[in-house]
C-alpha atoms as a PDB file:
ATOM      1  CA  MET A   1    -109.892-253.755  15.401  1.00  0.00           C
ATOM      2  CA  ARG A   2    -110.249-255.420  18.801  1.00  0.00           C
ATOM      3  CA  THR A   3    -113.307-257.394  19.798  1.00  0.00           C
ATOM      4  CA  VAL A   4    -114.367-257.621  23.455  1.00  0.00           C
ATOM      5  CA  LEU A   5    -115.356-261.216  24.209  1.00  0.00           C
ATOM      6  CA  VAL A   6    -115.797-260.710  27.955  1.00  0.00           C
ATOM      7  CA  TYR A   7    -116.417-257.326  29.536  1.00  0.00           C
ATOM      8  CA  GLY A   8    -115.161-256.907  33.081  1.00  0.00           C
ATOM      9  CA  LYS A   9    -114.533-253.966  35.375  1.00  0.00           C
ATOM     10  CA  HIS A  10    -113.388-254.368  38.970  1.00  0.00           C
ATOM     11  CA  VAL A  11    -113.432-251.346  41.278  1.00  0.00           C
ATOM     12  CA  VAL A  12    -111.607-251.812  44.586  1.00  0.00           C
ATOM     13  CA  GLY A  13    -110.750-249.404  47.318  1.00  0.00           C
ATOM     14  CA  ASN A  14    -110.244-248.334  50.874  1.00  0.00           C
ATOM     15  CA  LEU A  15    -112.533-245.900  52.661  1.00  0.00           C
ATOM     16  CA  TYR A  16    -111.078-243.872  55.532  1.00  0.00           C
ATOM     17  CA  ASN A  17    -112.718-241.789  58.267  1.00  0.00           C
ATOM     18  CA  CYS A  18    -116.170-243.238  57.646  1.00  0.00           C
ATOM     19  CA  ASN A  19    -119.164-242.926  59.952  1.00  0.00           C
ATOM     20  CA  PRO A  20    -118.475-245.652  62.573  1.00  0.00           C
ATOM     21  CA  GLU A  21    -122.158-246.127  63.441  1.00  0.00           C
ATOM     22  CA  LYS A  22    -122.931-247.009  59.828  1.00  0.00           C
ATOM     23  CA  LEU A  23    -119.898-249.319  59.638  1.00  0.00           C
ATOM     24  CA  GLY A  24    -121.189-251.400  62.559  1.00  0.00           C
ATOM     25  CA  ASN A  25    -124.831-251.503  61.480  1.00  0.00           C
ATOM     26  CA  MET A  26    -125.448-254.761  59.621  1.00  0.00           C
ATOM     27  CA  LEU A  27    -128.974-253.868  58.468  1.00  0.00           C
ATOM     28  CA  TYR A  28    -127.769-250.513  57.114  1.00  0.00           C
ATOM     29  CA  LEU A  29    -124.949-252.225  55.186  1.00  0.00           C
ATOM     30  CA  ILE A  30    -127.274-254.880  53.757  1.00  0.00           C
ATOM     31  CA  ASN A  31    -129.545-252.137  52.450  1.00  0.00           C
ATOM     32  CA  LEU A  32    -126.507-250.230  51.192  1.00  0.00           C
ATOM     33  CA  VAL A  33    -125.428-253.200  49.057  1.00  0.00           C
ATOM     34  CA  ARG A  34    -129.003-253.625  47.820  1.00  0.00           C
ATOM     35  CA  ASN A  35    -129.151-249.972  46.758  1.00  0.00           C
ATOM     36  CA  ALA A  36    -125.628-249.973  45.290  1.00  0.00           C
ATOM     37  CA  ALA A  37    -126.642-252.839  43.002  1.00  0.00           C
ATOM     38  CA  LYS A  38    -129.564-250.725  41.771  1.00  0.00           C
ATOM     39  CA  VAL A  39    -127.366-247.641  41.319  1.00  0.00           C
ATOM     40  CA  GLY A  40    -124.868-249.730  39.321  1.00  0.00           C
ATOM     41  CA  ASN A  41    -127.635-251.358  37.233  1.00  0.00           C
ATOM     42  CA  MET A  42    -126.764-254.842  38.490  1.00  0.00           C
ATOM     43  CA  THR A  43    -129.094-257.779  39.113  1.00  0.00           C
ATOM     44  CA  LEU A  44    -128.934-258.672  42.811  1.00  0.00           C
ATOM     45  CA  LEU A  45    -129.279-262.414  43.483  1.00  0.00           C
ATOM     46  CA  ASP A  46    -128.427-262.747  47.189  1.00  0.00           C
ATOM     47  CA  ILE A  47    -126.775-261.023  50.132  1.00  0.00           C
ATOM     48  CA  LYS A  48    -124.792-262.748  52.872  1.00  0.00           C
ATOM     49  CA  SER A  49    -123.580-260.978  56.007  1.00  0.00           C
ATOM     50  CA  TRP A  50    -121.441-261.733  59.032  1.00  0.00           C
ATOM     51  CA  LYS A  51    -120.732-259.827  62.229  1.00  0.00           C
ATOM     52  CA  ILE A  52    -116.999-260.107  62.941  1.00  0.00           C
ATOM     53  CA  GLY A  53    -115.948-258.427  66.178  1.00  0.00           C
ATOM     54  CA  ASN A  54    -117.132-254.825  65.927  1.00  0.00           C
ATOM     55  CA  GLY A  55    -117.198-254.983  62.148  1.00  0.00           C
ATOM     56  CA  VAL A  56    -119.367-256.449  59.462  1.00  0.00           C
ATOM     57  CA  SER A  57    -118.660-258.303  56.228  1.00  0.00           C
ATOM     58  CA  ILE A  58    -121.294-258.145  53.507  1.00  0.00           C
ATOM     59  CA  VAL A  59    -121.187-259.925  50.161  1.00  0.00           C
ATOM     60  CA  GLY A  60    -123.815-259.188  47.567  1.00  0.00           C
ATOM     61  CA  ILE A  61    -123.943-261.732  44.783  1.00  0.00           C
ATOM     62  CA  VAL A  62    -125.043-260.076  41.575  1.00  0.00           C
ATOM     63  CA  LEU A  63    -125.755-261.842  38.307  1.00  0.00           C
ATOM     64  CA  GLU A  64    -122.797-259.971  36.857  1.00  0.00           C
ATOM     65  CA  SER A  65    -120.406-260.847  39.779  1.00  0.00           C
ATOM     66  CA  HIS A  66    -120.265-259.300  43.297  1.00  0.00           C
ATOM     67  CA  ILE A  67    -120.247-256.349  45.683  1.00  0.00           C
ATOM     68  CA  SER A  68    -118.439-256.686  49.010  1.00  0.00           C
ATOM     69  CA  ILE A  69    -117.936-254.437  52.013  1.00  0.00           C
ATOM     70  CA  HIS A  70    -115.730-255.257  55.019  1.00  0.00           C
ATOM     71  CA  THR A  71    -115.759-252.825  57.950  1.00  0.00           C
ATOM     72  CA  TRP A  72    -113.678-251.921  60.985  1.00  0.00           C
ATOM     73  CA  PRO A  73    -115.789-249.351  62.905  1.00  0.00           C
ATOM     74  CA  GLU A  74    -113.133-249.012  65.611  1.00  0.00           C
ATOM     75  CA  HIS A  75    -110.828-247.588  62.915  1.00  0.00           C
ATOM     76  CA  ASN A  76    -113.544-245.801  60.864  1.00  0.00           C
ATOM     77  CA  PHE A  77    -112.331-247.932  57.947  1.00  0.00           C
ATOM     78  CA  ALA A  78    -113.886-250.091  55.235  1.00  0.00           C
ATOM     79  CA  THR A  79    -112.755-251.951  52.142  1.00  0.00           C
ATOM     80  CA  VAL A  80    -115.037-252.228  49.126  1.00  0.00           C
ATOM     81  CA  ASP A  81    -115.038-254.354  45.954  1.00  0.00           C
ATOM     82  CA  VAL A  82    -117.490-253.939  43.101  1.00  0.00           C
ATOM     83  CA  TYR A  83    -116.882-256.324  40.203  1.00  0.00           C
ATOM     84  CA  SER A  84    -119.071-256.606  37.149  1.00  0.00           C
ATOM     85  CA  CYS A  85    -118.929-258.623  33.961  1.00  0.00           C
ATOM     86  CA  GLY A  86    -121.822-256.761  32.353  1.00  0.00           C
ATOM     87  CA  SER A  87    -121.231-253.925  29.905  1.00  0.00           C
ATOM     88  CA  HIS A  88    -124.675-252.572  30.846  1.00  0.00           C
ATOM     89  CA  THR A  89    -123.538-252.012  34.454  1.00  0.00           C
ATOM     90  CA  ASN A  90    -121.653-249.208  36.171  1.00  0.00           C
ATOM     91  CA  PRO A  91    -119.521-250.588  39.024  1.00  0.00           C
ATOM     92  CA  GLU A  92    -117.764-247.233  39.506  1.00  0.00           C
ATOM     93  CA  LYS A  93    -121.087-245.530  40.175  1.00  0.00           C
ATOM     94  CA  ALA A  94    -121.982-248.277  42.693  1.00  0.00           C
ATOM     95  CA  PHE A  95    -118.586-247.902  44.435  1.00  0.00           C
ATOM     96  CA  ASP A  96    -118.939-244.115  44.626  1.00  0.00           C
ATOM     97  CA  TYR A  97    -122.447-244.503  46.056  1.00  0.00           C
ATOM     98  CA  ILE A  98    -121.117-246.777  48.818  1.00  0.00           C
ATOM     99  CA  ALA A  99    -118.246-244.395  49.634  1.00  0.00           C
ATOM    100  CA  SER A 100    -120.606-241.422  49.818  1.00  0.00           C
ATOM    101  CA  SER A 101    -123.179-243.305  51.908  1.00  0.00           C
ATOM    102  CA  LEU A 102    -120.528-244.325  54.442  1.00  0.00           C
ATOM    103  CA  GLU A 103    -119.405-240.684  54.618  1.00  0.00           C
ATOM    104  CA  ALA A 104    -115.804-241.540  53.725  1.00  0.00           C
ATOM    105  CA  GLN A 105    -113.519-238.530  54.175  1.00  0.00           C
ATOM    106  CA  ARG A 106    -110.689-240.106  52.180  1.00  0.00           C
ATOM    107  CA  ILE A 107    -111.040-242.618  49.367  1.00  0.00           C
ATOM    108  CA  GLU A 108    -108.439-244.762  47.649  1.00  0.00           C
ATOM    109  CA  LYS A 109    -110.002-246.244  44.507  1.00  0.00           C
ATOM    110  CA  ARG A 110    -108.544-248.408  41.784  1.00  0.00           C
ATOM    111  CA  VAL A 111    -110.303-249.491  38.590  1.00  0.00           C
ATOM    112  CA  ILE A 112    -109.084-252.723  37.029  1.00  0.00           C
ATOM    113  CA  ASP A 113    -109.996-253.795  33.513  1.00  0.00           C
ATOM    114  CA  ARG A 114    -110.894-257.498  33.635  1.00  0.00           C
ATOM    115  CA  SER A 115    -112.042-257.731  30.022  1.00  0.00           C
ATOM    116  CA  TYR A 116    -110.946-260.308  27.486  1.00  0.00           C
ATOM    117  CA  GLU A 117    -110.284-258.907  24.023  1.00  0.00           C
ATOM    118  CA  ILE A 118    -108.996-260.389  20.792  1.00  0.00           C
END
């Protein structure tokens, strides 16, 4: 029988054909990360944001790890990472919430097990 010493799940993906107005709206994205943490049952500690050209980069630090969104409104494109080390959390649900909120028409999503088992 295997014992999980460290639980970890990392959900990463690309979002295509998103709503460009939302992708360029820093306040909207900050609130999106705040709400995604709630949806994923994560404990939000801080949010940092940067305007880079037309796009925005947002990093939400959660007690369990992080949520990040990087946007390119001129291409209707965003990349998203949701990583959690808490078995009580649901990073996939948080990722899906972000994708839906940004109105992504095509989603590439990958779930990576980052657990440590013996």
